[in-house]
C-alpha cells in the first residue's frame, strides 16, 4: 500500500501551528518530506503520515503527576 502523504497545511493543522513552523521543522531535519516537483517550478513537498506520527511520538512527554 502506498504511503499516505500530507500537505503542509494539513500537517500545520494537525500540529496546530503555522505553516512556517512546519517548514522550520523540515529545514531542521525533524520532519521527513517527499518532493513531488515535476519541473523547474515551485517545489511541492508532502510529509508522509508515518513521519508525522514519528515526529509527534518523539516529542511526546509523560503527563505530570498530580499532587494530592
Protein backbone atom coordinates (compact mmCIF):
# COMPACT_ATOMS: atom_id res chain seq x y z
CA UNK A 1 0.00 0.00 0.00
CA UNK A 2 1.40 3.45 -0.87
CA UNK A 3 2.35 5.78 1.94
CA UNK A 4 -0.23 8.44 2.77
CA UNK A 5 1.21 11.88 2.06
CA UNK A 6 0.04 15.03 3.83
CA UNK A 7 0.21 18.60 2.56
CA UNK A 8 1.98 21.28 4.56
CA UNK A 9 -1.33 22.96 5.55
CA UNK A 10 -2.68 19.58 6.72
CA UNK A 11 0.43 18.98 8.86
CA UNK A 12 0.18 22.52 10.26
CA UNK A 13 -3.47 21.92 11.16
CA UNK A 14 -2.67 18.56 12.79
CA UNK A 15 0.05 20.17 14.91
CA UNK A 16 -1.93 23.39 15.49
CA UNK A 17 0.99 25.52 14.27
CA UNK A 18 1.63 27.92 11.41
CA UNK A 19 2.85 26.61 8.04
CA UNK A 20 6.15 28.44 8.58
CA UNK A 21 6.73 26.37 11.70
CA UNK A 22 6.25 23.18 9.68
CA UNK A 23 8.85 24.41 7.18
CA UNK A 24 11.23 25.09 10.10
CA UNK A 25 10.78 21.51 11.32
CA UNK A 26 11.53 20.29 7.79
CA UNK A 27 14.61 22.52 7.46
CA UNK A 28 15.89 21.24 10.82
CA UNK A 29 15.51 17.66 9.60
CA UNK A 30 12.85 16.83 12.18
CA UNK A 31 10.11 16.09 9.64
CA UNK A 32 10.73 13.95 6.54
CA UNK A 33 9.39 15.11 3.18
CA UNK A 34 8.73 13.72 -0.27
CA UNK A 35 9.39 16.22 -3.07
CA UNK A 36 6.84 15.93 -5.88
CA UNK A 37 8.49 18.56 -8.07
CA UNK A 38 7.75 17.93 -11.74
CA UNK A 39 9.84 20.65 -13.29
CA UNK A 40 11.61 23.91 -12.56
CA UNK A 41 8.56 25.38 -10.86
CA UNK A 42 7.89 25.61 -7.18
CA UNK A 43 8.59 22.57 -5.09
CA UNK A 44 5.61 20.51 -3.98
CA UNK A 45 6.56 18.72 -0.79
CA UNK A 46 4.44 16.32 1.21
CA UNK A 47 5.02 14.78 4.62
CA UNK A 48 4.47 11.03 4.98
CA UNK A 49 1.80 10.33 7.61
CA UNK A 50 4.16 7.86 9.27
CA UNK A 51 6.82 10.59 9.53
CA UNK A 52 4.34 12.91 11.23
CA UNK A 53 3.40 10.16 13.69
CA UNK A 54 7.08 9.56 14.49
CA UNK A 55 7.62 13.30 14.96
CA UNK A 56 4.70 13.51 17.40
CA UNK A 57 5.87 10.42 19.29
CA UNK A 58 9.41 11.75 19.58
CA UNK A 59 8.12 14.97 21.14
CA UNK A 60 5.61 13.35 23.50
CA UNK A 61 6.28 13.72 27.21
CA UNK A 62 4.68 11.84 30.07
CA UNK A 63 1.89 13.64 31.84
CA UNK A 64 2.94 15.26 35.13
CA UNK A 65 1.92 13.55 38.34
CA UNK A 66 -0.91 15.21 40.18
CA UNK A 67 -0.34 16.38 43.72
CA UNK A 68 -2.50 15.09 46.49
